[in-house]
Amino acid sequence: MAKRILILDDDKDILYFCSIISEELGLEVETSNTTEDIVSQVQAKSPDIILLDNWMPGPGGLKSIALLKGDVRFKHIPIIFFSANNDFDKIAQNSQADVYLKKPFDVTELEQVILKQLNL
C-alpha cells in the first residue's frame, strides 16, 4: 500500500509541482488550499506525512502544526514546514515541525526530505 502525503498550500502552482514530485516518489497525494478545519482534514485524509506552507487561509502553518502535534492521534505524523517568509528560519525553529524548507527549494532536497521522513 502506498504512503499518502497531504500537501497544504494556497498557491495552486506549488500544489501542482509538489504533487508531481510526490507522485513520482510513488506516494498517494491529497491536497488542500486551506488550513481551515486542519484536524478534520488530517483525520479524513489519513496522511503518512504532511507538507505545510506557513501563510495560508485558516489558522496558518504554525497554529496548524501546534494543533496536530498537540493531538495524540496525529503527533506521530511527520510535518515538513515550508515558506518564502524572510524570517522563516527563526519562525520554523520555534515550530514543532519535523523539518522545514525555505522556498524556493531544490527538487532533490524535497525528495530526500520526504523519503527520509517516511523511512523509505
PDB file of N, CA and C in Angstrom:
ATOM      1  N   MET A   1       0.843  -1.188   0.000  1.00  0.00           N
ATOM      2  CA  MET A   1       0.000   0.000   0.000  1.00  0.00           C
ATOM      3  C   MET A   1       0.884   1.246   0.000  1.00  0.00           C
ATOM      4  N   ALA A   2       0.571   2.171  -0.868  1.00  0.00           N
ATOM      5  CA  ALA A   2       1.366   3.390  -0.997  1.00  0.00           C
ATOM      6  C   ALA A   2       1.168   4.304   0.207  1.00  0.00           C
ATOM      7  N   LYS A   3       2.218   5.018   0.538  1.00  0.00           N
ATOM      8  CA  LYS A   3       2.146   6.036   1.582  1.00  0.00           C
ATOM      9  C   LYS A   3       1.387   7.236   1.024  1.00  0.00           C
ATOM     10  N   ARG A   4       0.746   7.990   1.899  1.00  0.00           N
ATOM     11  CA  ARG A   4      -0.063   9.135   1.486  1.00  0.00           C
ATOM     12  C   ARG A   4       0.523  10.425   2.047  1.00  0.00           C
ATOM     13  N   ILE A   5       0.609  11.443   1.181  1.00  0.00           N
ATOM     14  CA  ILE A   5       1.059  12.772   1.587  1.00  0.00           C
ATOM     15  C   ILE A   5      -0.101  13.751   1.453  1.00  0.00           C
ATOM     16  N   LEU A   6      -0.212  14.619   2.433  1.00  0.00           N
ATOM     17  CA  LEU A   6      -1.171  15.730   2.378  1.00  0.00           C
ATOM     18  C   LEU A   6      -0.363  17.000   2.184  1.00  0.00           C
ATOM     19  N   ILE A   7      -0.620  17.683   1.074  1.00  0.00           N
ATOM     20  CA  ILE A   7       0.094  18.924   0.746  1.00  0.00           C
ATOM     21  C   ILE A   7      -0.879  20.076   0.922  1.00  0.00           C
ATOM     22  N   LEU A   8      -0.490  21.039   1.767  1.00  0.00           N
ATOM     23  CA  LEU A   8      -1.337  22.198   2.031  1.00  0.00           C
ATOM     24  C   LEU A   8      -0.600  23.463   1.608  1.00  0.00           C
ATOM     25  N   ASP A   9      -1.122  24.125   0.595  1.00  0.00           N
ATOM     26  CA  ASP A   9      -0.566  25.386   0.109  1.00  0.00           C
ATOM     27  C   ASP A   9      -1.662  26.108  -0.643  1.00  0.00           C
ATOM     28  N   ASP A  10      -1.724  27.425  -0.525  1.00  0.00           N
ATOM     29  CA  ASP A  10      -2.760  28.182  -1.221  1.00  0.00           C
ATOM     30  C   ASP A  10      -2.324  28.612  -2.616  1.00  0.00           C
ATOM     31  N   ASP A  11      -1.110  28.259  -3.028  1.00  0.00           N
ATOM     32  CA  ASP A  11      -0.613  28.543  -4.375  1.00  0.00           C
ATOM     33  C   ASP A  11      -0.805  27.287  -5.224  1.00  0.00           C
ATOM     34  N   LYS A  12      -1.719  27.355  -6.211  1.00  0.00           N
ATOM     35  CA  LYS A  12      -2.043  26.154  -6.986  1.00  0.00           C
ATOM     36  C   LYS A  12      -0.859  25.646  -7.803  1.00  0.00           C
ATOM     37  N   ASP A  13       0.068  26.516  -8.196  1.00  0.00           N
ATOM     38  CA  ASP A  13       1.252  26.055  -8.928  1.00  0.00           C
ATOM     39  C   ASP A  13       2.163  25.226  -8.024  1.00  0.00           C
ATOM     40  N   ILE A  14       2.311  25.647  -6.780  1.00  0.00           N
ATOM     41  CA  ILE A  14       3.136  24.884  -5.836  1.00  0.00           C
ATOM     42  C   ILE A  14       2.449  23.564  -5.490  1.00  0.00           C
ATOM     43  N   LEU A  15       1.133  23.589  -5.326  1.00  0.00           N
ATOM     44  CA  LEU A  15       0.401  22.346  -5.095  1.00  0.00           C
ATOM     45  C   LEU A  15       0.649  21.365  -6.242  1.00  0.00           C
ATOM     46  N   TYR A  16       0.556  21.857  -7.460  1.00  0.00           N
ATOM     47  CA  TYR A  16       0.770  21.011  -8.636  1.00  0.00           C
ATOM     48  C   TYR A  16       2.205  20.471  -8.662  1.00  0.00           C
ATOM     49  N   PHE A  17       3.173  21.345  -8.484  1.00  0.00           N
ATOM     50  CA  PHE A  17       4.591  20.988  -8.507  1.00  0.00           C
ATOM     51  C   PHE A  17       4.901  19.924  -7.445  1.00  0.00           C
ATOM     52  N   CYS A  18       4.460  20.158  -6.226  1.00  0.00           N
ATOM     53  CA  CYS A  18       4.729  19.220  -5.134  1.00  0.00           C
ATOM     54  C   CYS A  18       3.970  17.906  -5.328  1.00  0.00           C
ATOM     55  N   SER A  19       2.792  17.988  -5.934  1.00  0.00           N
ATOM     56  CA  SER A  19       2.021  16.770  -6.223  1.00  0.00           C
ATOM     57  C   SER A  19       2.754  15.889  -7.227  1.00  0.00           C
ATOM     58  N   ILE A  20       3.280  16.488  -8.269  1.00  0.00           N
ATOM     59  CA  ILE A  20       4.014  15.734  -9.297  1.00  0.00           C
ATOM     60  C   ILE A  20       5.234  15.062  -8.674  1.00  0.00           C
ATOM     61  N   ILE A  21       5.989  15.805  -7.894  1.00  0.00           N
ATOM     62  CA  ILE A  21       7.181  15.252  -7.231  1.00  0.00           C
ATOM     63  C   ILE A  21       6.779  14.076  -6.343  1.00  0.00           C
ATOM     64  N   SER A  22       5.727  14.248  -5.573  1.00  0.00           N
ATOM     65  CA  SER A  22       5.270  13.200  -4.649  1.00  0.00           C
ATOM     66  C   SER A  22       4.779  11.966  -5.401  1.00  0.00           C
ATOM     67  N   GLU A  23       4.044  12.173  -6.484  1.00  0.00           N
ATOM     68  CA  GLU A  23       3.565  11.041  -7.287  1.00  0.00           C
ATOM     69  C   GLU A  23       4.735  10.273  -7.892  1.00  0.00           C
ATOM     70  N   GLU A  24       5.767  10.994  -8.321  1.00  0.00           N
ATOM     71  CA  GLU A  24       6.950  10.331  -8.871  1.00  0.00           C
ATOM     72  C   GLU A  24       7.682   9.499  -7.816  1.00  0.00           C
ATOM     73  N   LEU A  25       7.486   9.835  -6.545  1.00  0.00           N
ATOM     74  CA  LEU A  25       8.057   9.053  -5.443  1.00  0.00           C
ATOM     75  C   LEU A  25       7.163   7.872  -5.079  1.00  0.00           C
ATOM     76  N   GLY A  26       6.021   7.742  -5.758  1.00  0.00           N
ATOM     77  CA  GLY A  26       5.112   6.633  -5.515  1.00  0.00           C
ATOM     78  C   GLY A  26       4.107   6.883  -4.407  1.00  0.00           C
ATOM     79  N   LEU A  27       3.934   8.141  -4.024  1.00  0.00           N
ATOM     80  CA  LEU A  27       3.002   8.482  -2.950  1.00  0.00           C
ATOM     81  C   LEU A  27       1.608   8.774  -3.499  1.00  0.00           C
ATOM     82  N   GLU A  28       0.593   8.450  -2.704  1.00  0.00           N
ATOM     83  CA  GLU A  28      -0.760   8.919  -2.981  1.00  0.00           C
ATOM     84  C   GLU A  28      -0.813  10.366  -2.516  1.00  0.00           C
ATOM     85  N   VAL A  29      -1.410  11.231  -3.294  1.00  0.00           N
ATOM     86  CA  VAL A  29      -1.397  12.663  -2.988  1.00  0.00           C
ATOM     87  C   VAL A  29      -2.793  13.177  -2.680  1.00  0.00           C
ATOM     88  N   GLU A  30      -2.880  13.892  -1.568  1.00  0.00           N
ATOM     89  CA  GLU A  30      -4.073  14.654  -1.189  1.00  0.00           C
ATOM     90  C   GLU A  30      -3.624  16.105  -1.084  1.00  0.00           C
ATOM     91  N   THR A  31      -4.463  17.044  -1.505  1.00  0.00           N
ATOM     92  CA  THR A  31      -4.089  18.453  -1.429  1.00  0.00           C
ATOM     93  C   THR A  31      -5.208  19.278  -0.807  1.00  0.00           C
ATOM     94  N   SER A  32      -4.802  20.444  -0.316  1.00  0.00           N
ATOM     95  CA  SER A  32      -5.761  21.408   0.207  1.00  0.00           C
ATOM     96  C   SER A  32      -5.162  22.800   0.087  1.00  0.00           C
ATOM     97  N   ASN A  33      -6.005  23.779  -0.163  1.00  0.00           N
ATOM     98  CA  ASN A  33      -5.529  25.160  -0.272  1.00  0.00           C
ATOM     99  C   ASN A  33      -5.882  25.984   0.961  1.00  0.00           C
ATOM    100  N   THR A  34      -6.233  25.300   2.055  1.00  0.00           N
ATOM    101  CA  THR A  34      -6.582  25.991   3.299  1.00  0.00           C
ATOM    102  C   THR A  34      -6.215  25.140   4.505  1.00  0.00           C
ATOM    103  N   THR A  35      -5.980  25.803   5.624  1.00  0.00           N
ATOM    104  CA  THR A  35      -5.766  25.081   6.877  1.00  0.00           C
ATOM    105  C   THR A  35      -7.030  25.110   7.745  1.00  0.00           C
ATOM    106  N   GLU A  36      -8.131  25.631   7.188  1.00  0.00           N
ATOM    107  CA  GLU A  36      -9.416  25.579   7.908  1.00  0.00           C
ATOM    108  C   GLU A  36      -9.709  24.124   8.237  1.00  0.00           C
ATOM    109  N   ASP A  37     -10.171  23.866   9.421  1.00  0.00           N
ATOM    110  CA  ASP A  37     -10.531  22.515   9.852  1.00  0.00           C
ATOM    111  C   ASP A  37      -9.376  21.530   9.639  1.00  0.00           C
ATOM    112  N   ILE A  38      -8.160  21.960   9.985  1.00  0.00           N
ATOM    113  CA  ILE A  38      -6.973  21.140   9.744  1.00  0.00           C
ATOM    114  C   ILE A  38      -7.087  19.769  10.410  1.00  0.00           C
ATOM    115  N   VAL A  39      -7.601  19.715  11.594  1.00  0.00           N
ATOM    116  CA  VAL A  39      -7.729  18.434  12.293  1.00  0.00           C
ATOM    117  C   VAL A  39      -8.688  17.516  11.535  1.00  0.00           C
ATOM    118  N   SER A  40      -9.809  18.046  11.089  1.00  0.00           N
ATOM    119  CA  SER A  40     -10.769  17.251  10.315  1.00  0.00           C
ATOM    120  C   SER A  40     -10.174  16.794   8.991  1.00  0.00           C
ATOM    121  N   GLN A  41      -9.412  17.675   8.343  1.00  0.00           N
ATOM    122  CA  GLN A  41      -8.769  17.310   7.083  1.00  0.00           C
ATOM    123  C   GLN A  41      -7.809  16.138   7.277  1.00  0.00           C
ATOM    124  N   VAL A  42      -6.981  16.233   8.305  1.00  0.00           N
ATOM    125  CA  VAL A  42      -6.000  15.170   8.547  1.00  0.00           C
ATOM    126  C   VAL A  42      -6.710  13.881   8.937  1.00  0.00           C
ATOM    127  N   GLN A  43      -7.734  13.985   9.739  1.00  0.00           N
ATOM    128  CA  GLN A  43      -8.481  12.798  10.127  1.00  0.00           C
ATOM    129  C   GLN A  43      -9.108  12.126   8.902  1.00  0.00           C
ATOM    130  N   ALA A  44      -9.685  12.905   8.005  1.00  0.00           N
ATOM    131  CA  ALA A  44     -10.362  12.366   6.828  1.00  0.00           C
ATOM    132  C   ALA A  44      -9.390  11.801   5.797  1.00  0.00           C
ATOM    133  N   LYS A  45      -8.229  12.422   5.654  1.00  0.00           N
ATOM    134  CA  LYS A  45      -7.299  12.028   4.582  1.00  0.00           C
ATOM    135  C   LYS A  45      -6.224  11.052   5.041  1.00  0.00           C
ATOM    136  N   SER A  46      -6.069  10.861   6.328  1.00  0.00           N
ATOM    137  CA  SER A  46      -5.129   9.893   6.911  1.00  0.00           C
ATOM    138  C   SER A  46      -3.750   9.899   6.250  1.00  0.00           C
ATOM    139  N   PRO A  47      -3.058  11.044   6.251  1.00  0.00           N
ATOM    140  CA  PRO A  47      -1.741  11.080   5.615  1.00  0.00           C
ATOM    141  C   PRO A  47      -0.663  10.413   6.471  1.00  0.00           C
ATOM    142  N   ASP A  48       0.370   9.946   5.795  1.00  0.00           N
ATOM    143  CA  ASP A  48       1.554   9.422   6.471  1.00  0.00           C
ATOM    144  C   ASP A  48       2.578  10.521   6.690  1.00  0.00           C
ATOM    145  N   ILE A  49       2.422  11.611   5.934  1.00  0.00           N
ATOM    146  CA  ILE A  49       3.314  12.766   6.019  1.00  0.00           C
ATOM    147  C   ILE A  49       2.547  13.995   5.539  1.00  0.00           C
ATOM    148  N   ILE A  50       2.930  15.174   6.052  1.00  0.00           N
ATOM    149  CA  ILE A  50       2.257  16.428   5.692  1.00  0.00           C
ATOM    150  C   ILE A  50       3.299  17.435   5.233  1.00  0.00           C
ATOM    151  N   LEU A  51       3.011  18.099   4.127  1.00  0.00           N
ATOM    152  CA  LEU A  51       3.818  19.208   3.612  1.00  0.00           C
ATOM    153  C   LEU A  51       2.952  20.446   3.755  1.00  0.00           C
ATOM    154  N   LEU A  52       3.404  21.407   4.568  1.00  0.00           N
ATOM    155  CA  LEU A  52       2.539  22.509   5.003  1.00  0.00           C
ATOM    156  C   LEU A  52       3.208  23.865   4.816  1.00  0.00           C
ATOM    157  N   ASP A  53       2.548  24.743   4.060  1.00  0.00           N
ATOM    158  CA  ASP A  53       3.009  26.117   3.880  1.00  0.00           C
ATOM    159  C   ASP A  53       2.673  26.926   5.138  1.00  0.00           C
ATOM    160  N   ASN A  54       3.436  27.981   5.365  1.00  0.00           N
ATOM    161  CA  ASN A  54       3.212  28.816   6.540  1.00  0.00           C
ATOM    162  C   ASN A  54       2.017  29.750   6.369  1.00  0.00           C
ATOM    163  N   TRP A  55       2.020  30.563   5.330  1.00  0.00           N
ATOM    164  CA  TRP A  55       0.977  31.580   5.154  1.00  0.00           C
ATOM    165  C   TRP A  55      -0.158  31.020   4.318  1.00  0.00           C
ATOM    166  N   MET A  56      -1.259  30.689   4.992  1.00  0.00           N
ATOM    167  CA  MET A  56      -2.404  30.094   4.315  1.00  0.00           C
ATOM    168  C   MET A  56      -3.705  30.579   4.941  1.00  0.00           C
ATOM    169  N   PRO A  57      -4.814  30.477   4.197  1.00  0.00           N
ATOM    170  CA  PRO A  57      -6.112  30.775   4.786  1.00  0.00           C
ATOM    171  C   PRO A  57      -6.399  29.806   5.937  1.00  0.00           C
ATOM    172  N   GLY A  58      -7.016  30.317   6.972  1.00  0.00           N
ATOM    173  CA  GLY A  58      -7.277  29.497   8.153  1.00  0.00           C
ATOM    174  C   GLY A  58      -6.258  29.821   9.224  1.00  0.00           C
ATOM    175  N   PRO A  59      -6.039  28.915  10.146  1.00  0.00           N
ATOM    176  CA  PRO A  59      -5.109  29.204  11.236  1.00  0.00           C
ATOM    177  C   PRO A  59      -3.649  29.359  10.774  1.00  0.00           C
ATOM    178  N   GLY A  60      -3.329  28.900   9.578  1.00  0.00           N
ATOM    179  CA  GLY A  60      -1.968  29.028   9.067  1.00  0.00           C
ATOM    180  C   GLY A  60      -1.066  27.904   9.557  1.00  0.00           C
ATOM    181  N   GLY A  61       0.181  27.952   9.109  1.00  0.00           N
ATOM    182  CA  GLY A  61       1.118  26.874   9.373  1.00  0.00           C
ATOM    183  C   GLY A  61       1.463  26.636  10.821  1.00  0.00           C
ATOM    184  N   LEU A  62       1.898  27.673  11.518  1.00  0.00           N
ATOM    185  CA  LEU A  62       2.339  27.497  12.907  1.00  0.00           C
ATOM    186  C   LEU A  62       1.239  26.955  13.807  1.00  0.00           C
ATOM    187  N   LYS A  63       0.074  27.548  13.737  1.00  0.00           N
ATOM    188  CA  LYS A  63      -1.030  27.105  14.589  1.00  0.00           C
ATOM    189  C   LYS A  63      -1.484  25.701  14.188  1.00  0.00           C
ATOM    190  N   SER A  64      -1.467  25.405  12.887  1.00  0.00           N
ATOM    191  CA  SER A  64      -1.861  24.072  12.421  1.00  0.00           C
ATOM    192  C   SER A  64      -0.899  23.002  12.944  1.00  0.00           C
ATOM    193  N   ILE A  65       0.394  23.303  12.910  1.00  0.00           N
ATOM    194  CA  ILE A  65       1.376  22.358  13.434  1.00  0.00           C
ATOM    195  C   ILE A  65       1.119  22.123  14.919  1.00  0.00           C
ATOM    196  N   ALA A  66       0.904  23.195  15.674  1.00  0.00           N
ATOM    197  CA  ALA A  66       0.655  23.063  17.107  1.00  0.00           C
ATOM    198  C   ALA A  66      -0.603  22.229  17.370  1.00  0.00           C
ATOM    199  N   LEU A  67      -1.656  22.437  16.590  1.00  0.00           N
ATOM    200  CA  LEU A  67      -2.885  21.657  16.755  1.00  0.00           C
ATOM    201  C   LEU A  67      -2.642  20.172  16.497  1.00  0.00           C
ATOM    202  N   LEU A  68      -1.908  19.879  15.434  1.00  0.00           N
ATOM    203  CA  LEU A  68      -1.665  18.482  15.070  1.00  0.00           C
ATOM    204  C   LEU A  68      -0.699  17.795  16.031  1.00  0.00           C
ATOM    205  N   LYS A  69       0.366  18.478  16.396  1.00  0.00           N
ATOM    206  CA  LYS A  69       1.355  17.875  17.296  1.00  0.00           C
ATOM    207  C   LYS A  69       0.818  17.775  18.720  1.00  0.00           C
ATOM    208  N   GLY A  70      -0.212  18.563  19.033  1.00  0.00           N
ATOM    209  CA  GLY A  70      -0.833  18.506  20.342  1.00  0.00           C
ATOM    210  C   GLY A  70      -1.933  17.459  20.448  1.00  0.00           C
ATOM    211  N   ASP A  71      -2.213  16.794  19.339  1.00  0.00           N
ATOM    212  CA  ASP A  71      -3.275  15.784  19.300  1.00  0.00           C
ATOM    213  C   ASP A  71      -2.626  14.402  19.230  1.00  0.00           C
ATOM    214  N   VAL A  72      -2.890  13.559  20.205  1.00  0.00           N
ATOM    215  CA  VAL A  72      -2.251  12.246  20.286  1.00  0.00           C
ATOM    216  C   VAL A  72      -2.485  11.404  19.022  1.00  0.00           C
ATOM    217  N   ARG A  73      -3.584  11.649  18.320  1.00  0.00           N
ATOM    218  CA  ARG A  73      -3.878  10.885  17.105  1.00  0.00           C
ATOM    219  C   ARG A  73      -2.953  11.242  15.945  1.00  0.00           C
ATOM    220  N   PHE A  74      -2.375  12.460  15.967  1.00  0.00           N
ATOM    221  CA  PHE A  74      -1.630  12.935  14.802  1.00  0.00           C
ATOM    222  C   PHE A  74      -0.184  13.322  15.079  1.00  0.00           C
ATOM    223  N   LYS A  75       0.224  13.357  16.337  1.00  0.00           N
ATOM    224  CA  LYS A  75       1.553  13.882  16.655  1.00  0.00           C
ATOM    225  C   LYS A  75       2.680  13.061  16.051  1.00  0.00           C
ATOM    226  N   HIS A  76       2.418  11.814  15.670  1.00  0.00           N
ATOM    227  CA  HIS A  76       3.433  10.960  15.064  1.00  0.00           C
ATOM    228  C   HIS A  76       3.650  11.254  13.572  1.00  0.00           C
ATOM    229  N   ILE A  77       2.747  12.007  12.958  1.00  0.00           N
ATOM    230  CA  ILE A  77       2.841  12.276  11.520  1.00  0.00           C
ATOM    231  C   ILE A  77       3.916  13.329  11.275  1.00  0.00           C
ATOM    232  N   PRO A  78       4.938  12.992  10.467  1.00  0.00           N
ATOM    233  CA  PRO A  78       5.967  13.994  10.171  1.00  0.00           C
ATOM    234  C   PRO A  78       5.374  15.178   9.405  1.00  0.00           C
ATOM    235  N   ILE A  79       5.790  16.380   9.803  1.00  0.00           N
ATOM    236  CA  ILE A  79       5.345  17.596   9.125  1.00  0.00           C
ATOM    237  C   ILE A  79       6.563  18.315   8.570  1.00  0.00           C
ATOM    238  N   ILE A  80       6.516  18.539   7.253  1.00  0.00           N
ATOM    239  CA  ILE A  80       7.534  19.343   6.575  1.00  0.00           C
ATOM    240  C   ILE A  80       6.917  20.728   6.396  1.00  0.00           C
ATOM    241  N   PHE A  81       7.509  21.701   7.035  1.00  0.00           N
ATOM    242  CA  PHE A  81       7.008  23.081   7.065  1.00  0.00           C
ATOM    243  C   PHE A  81       7.818  23.883   6.063  1.00  0.00           C
ATOM    244  N   PHE A  82       7.152  24.645   5.167  1.00  0.00           N
ATOM    245  CA  PHE A  82       7.900  25.427   4.193  1.00  0.00           C
ATOM    246  C   PHE A  82       7.266  26.786   3.950  1.00  0.00           C
ATOM    247  N   SER A  83       8.138  27.748   3.561  1.00  0.00           N
ATOM    248  CA  SER A  83       7.664  29.107   3.343  1.00  0.00           C
ATOM    249  C   SER A  83       8.741  29.935   2.651  1.00  0.00           C
ATOM    250  N   ALA A  84       8.322  31.046   2.083  1.00  0.00           N
ATOM    251  CA  ALA A  84       9.252  32.005   1.490  1.00  0.00           C
ATOM    252  C   ALA A  84       9.448  33.216   2.403  1.00  0.00           C
ATOM    253  N   ASN A  85       8.901  33.176   3.594  1.00  0.00           N
ATOM    254  CA  ASN A  85       8.998  34.273   4.552  1.00  0.00           C
ATOM    255  C   ASN A  85      10.460  34.608   4.845  1.00  0.00           C
ATOM    256  N   ASN A  86      10.796  35.892   4.922  1.00  0.00           N
ATOM    257  CA  ASN A  86      12.173  36.317   5.192  1.00  0.00           C
ATOM    258  C   ASN A  86      12.683  35.845   6.546  1.00  0.00           C
ATOM    259  N   ASP A  87      11.827  35.794   7.548  1.00  0.00           N
ATOM    260  CA  ASP A  87      12.211  35.350   8.887  1.00  0.00           C
ATOM    261  C   ASP A  87      11.892  33.875   9.120  1.00  0.00           C
ATOM    262  N   PHE A  88      11.775  33.113   8.050  1.00  0.00           N
ATOM    263  CA  PHE A  88      11.298  31.740   8.168  1.00  0.00           C
ATOM    264  C   PHE A  88      12.188  30.856   9.035  1.00  0.00           C
ATOM    265  N   ASP A  89      13.499  31.011   8.950  1.00  0.00           N
ATOM    266  CA  ASP A  89      14.376  30.170   9.770  1.00  0.00           C
ATOM    267  C   ASP A  89      14.043  30.326  11.248  1.00  0.00           C
ATOM    268  N   LYS A  90      13.867  31.562  11.688  1.00  0.00           N
ATOM    269  CA  LYS A  90      13.542  31.824  13.096  1.00  0.00           C
ATOM    270  C   LYS A  90      12.154  31.282  13.442  1.00  0.00           C
ATOM    271  N   ILE A  91      11.189  31.508  12.557  1.00  0.00           N
ATOM    272  CA  ILE A  91       9.823  31.028  12.777  1.00  0.00           C
ATOM    273  C   ILE A  91       9.809  29.502  12.855  1.00  0.00           C
ATOM    274  N   ALA A  92      10.465  28.857  11.908  1.00  0.00           N
ATOM    275  CA  ALA A  92      10.447  27.400  11.825  1.00  0.00           C
ATOM    276  C   ALA A  92      11.139  26.744  13.016  1.00  0.00           C
ATOM    277  N   GLN A  93      12.211  27.333  13.476  1.00  0.00           N
ATOM    278  CA  GLN A  93      12.924  26.760  14.626  1.00  0.00           C
ATOM    279  C   GLN A  93      12.060  26.751  15.877  1.00  0.00           C
ATOM    280  N   ASN A  94      11.112  27.680  15.956  1.00  0.00           N
ATOM    281  CA  ASN A  94      10.219  27.747  17.107  1.00  0.00           C
ATOM    282  C   ASN A  94       8.932  26.942  16.897  1.00  0.00           C
ATOM    283  N   SER A  95       8.832  26.296  15.751  1.00  0.00           N
ATOM    284  CA  SER A  95       7.655  25.466  15.483  1.00  0.00           C
ATOM    285  C   SER A  95       7.923  24.042  15.978  1.00  0.00           C
ATOM    286  N   GLN A  96       6.937  23.229  15.891  1.00  0.00           N
ATOM    287  CA  GLN A  96       7.092  21.819  16.249  1.00  0.00           C
ATOM    288  C   GLN A  96       7.241  20.946  15.007  1.00  0.00           C
ATOM    289  N   ALA A  97       7.551  21.563  13.871  1.00  0.00           N
ATOM    290  CA  ALA A  97       7.703  20.813  12.622  1.00  0.00           C
ATOM    291  C   ALA A  97       8.891  19.864  12.723  1.00  0.00           C
ATOM    292  N   ASP A  98       8.792  18.770  11.999  1.00  0.00           N
ATOM    293  CA  ASP A  98       9.880  17.793  11.982  1.00  0.00           C
ATOM    294  C   ASP A  98      11.026  18.282  11.097  1.00  0.00           C
ATOM    295  N   VAL A  99      10.678  18.968  10.027  1.00  0.00           N
ATOM    296  CA  VAL A  99      11.655  19.503   9.074  1.00  0.00           C
ATOM    297  C   VAL A  99      11.091  20.806   8.531  1.00  0.00           C
ATOM    298  N   TYR A 100      11.975  21.716   8.169  1.00  0.00           N
ATOM    299  CA  TYR A 100      11.494  22.911   7.481  1.00  0.00           C
ATOM    300  C   TYR A 100      12.379  23.205   6.273  1.00  0.00           C
ATOM    301  N   LEU A 101      11.735  23.725   5.237  1.00  0.00           N
ATOM    302  CA  LEU A 101      12.409  24.077   3.992  1.00  0.00           C
ATOM    303  C   LEU A 101      12.041  25.503   3.624  1.00  0.00           C
ATOM    304  N   LYS A 102      13.023  26.249   3.227  1.00  0.00           N
ATOM    305  CA  LYS A 102      12.785  27.616   2.768  1.00  0.00           C
ATOM    306  C   LYS A 102      12.547  27.591   1.259  1.00  0.00           C
ATOM    307  N   LYS A 103      11.481  28.266   0.822  1.00  0.00           N
ATOM    308  CA  LYS A 103      11.195  28.401  -0.612  1.00  0.00           C
ATOM    309  C   LYS A 103      12.105  29.471  -1.196  1.00  0.00           C
ATOM    310  N   PRO A 104      12.561  29.343  -2.395  1.00  0.00           N
ATOM    311  CA  PRO A 104      12.414  28.160  -3.231  1.00  0.00           C
ATOM    312  C   PRO A 104      13.366  27.063  -2.772  1.00  0.00           C
ATOM    313  N   PHE A 105      12.937  25.841  -2.905  1.00  0.00           N
ATOM    314  CA  PHE A 105      13.772  24.714  -2.521  1.00  0.00           C
ATOM    315  C   PHE A 105      14.094  23.888  -3.747  1.00  0.00           C
ATOM    316  N   ASP A 106      15.119  23.097  -3.632  1.00  0.00           N
ATOM    317  CA  ASP A 106      15.574  22.228  -4.711  1.00  0.00           C
ATOM    318  C   ASP A 106      14.695  20.976  -4.742  1.00  0.00           C
ATOM    319  N   VAL A 107      14.354  20.500  -5.917  1.00  0.00           N
ATOM    320  CA  VAL A 107      13.524  19.312  -6.070  1.00  0.00           C
ATOM    321  C   VAL A 107      14.159  18.117  -5.361  1.00  0.00           C
ATOM    322  N   THR A 108      15.444  17.937  -5.568  1.00  0.00           N
ATOM    323  CA  THR A 108      16.152  16.819  -4.943  1.00  0.00           C
ATOM    324  C   THR A 108      16.089  16.916  -3.428  1.00  0.00           C
ATOM    325  N   GLU A 109      16.224  18.120  -2.899  1.00  0.00           N
ATOM    326  CA  GLU A 109      16.151  18.322  -1.453  1.00  0.00           C
ATOM    327  C   GLU A 109      14.771  17.914  -0.919  1.00  0.00           C
ATOM    328  N   LEU A 110      13.719  18.324  -1.613  1.00  0.00           N
ATOM    329  CA  LEU A 110      12.366  17.962  -1.194  1.00  0.00           C
ATOM    330  C   LEU A 110      12.188  16.449  -1.238  1.00  0.00           C
ATOM    331  N   GLU A 111      12.631  15.825  -2.306  1.00  0.00           N
ATOM    332  CA  GLU A 111      12.519  14.368  -2.423  1.00  0.00           C
ATOM    333  C   GLU A 111      13.239  13.664  -1.274  1.00  0.00           C
ATOM    334  N   GLN A 112      14.457  14.104  -0.995  1.00  0.00           N
ATOM    335  CA  GLN A 112      15.249  13.479   0.068  1.00  0.00           C
ATOM    336  C   GLN A 112      14.581  13.641   1.431  1.00  0.00           C
ATOM    337  N   VAL A 113      14.051  14.820   1.711  1.00  0.00           N
ATOM    338  CA  VAL A 113      13.395  15.070   2.989  1.00  0.00           C
ATOM    339  C   VAL A 113      12.155  14.185   3.141  1.00  0.00           C
ATOM    340  N   ILE A 114      11.356  14.092   2.094  1.00  0.00           N
ATOM    341  CA  ILE A 114      10.150  13.258   2.145  1.00  0.00           C
ATOM    342  C   ILE A 114      10.533  11.799   2.395  1.00  0.00           C
ATOM    343  N   LEU A 115      11.471  11.292   1.610  1.00  0.00           N
ATOM    344  CA  LEU A 115      11.880   9.890   1.748  1.00  0.00           C
ATOM    345  C   LEU A 115      12.470   9.608   3.126  1.00  0.00           C
ATOM    346  N   LYS A 116      13.270  10.520   3.629  1.00  0.00           N
ATOM    347  CA  LYS A 116      13.877  10.330   4.948  1.00  0.00           C
ATOM    348  C   LYS A 116      12.805  10.303   6.029  1.00  0.00           C
ATOM    349  N   GLN A 117      11.835  11.222   5.972  1.00  0.00           N
ATOM    350  CA  GLN A 117      10.786  11.287   6.994  1.00  0.00           C
ATOM    351  C   GLN A 117       9.871  10.051   6.938  1.00  0.00           C
ATOM    352  N   LEU A 118       9.750   9.439   5.766  1.00  0.00           N
ATOM    353  CA  LEU A 118       8.927   8.236   5.626  1.00  0.00           C
ATOM    354  C   LEU A 118       9.744   6.952   5.808  1.00  0.00           C
ATOM    355  N   ASN A 119      11.033   7.123   6.065  1.00  0.00           N
ATOM    356  CA  ASN A 119      11.946   5.971   6.209  1.00  0.00           C
ATOM    357  C   ASN A 119      11.925   5.075   4.973  1.00  0.00           C
ATOM    358  N   LEU A 120      11.937   5.690   3.795  1.00  0.00           N
ATOM    359  CA  LEU A 120      11.939   4.938   2.524  1.00  0.00           C
ATOM    360  C   LEU A 120      13.311   4.982   1.887  1.00  0.00           C
TER     361      LEU A 120
END
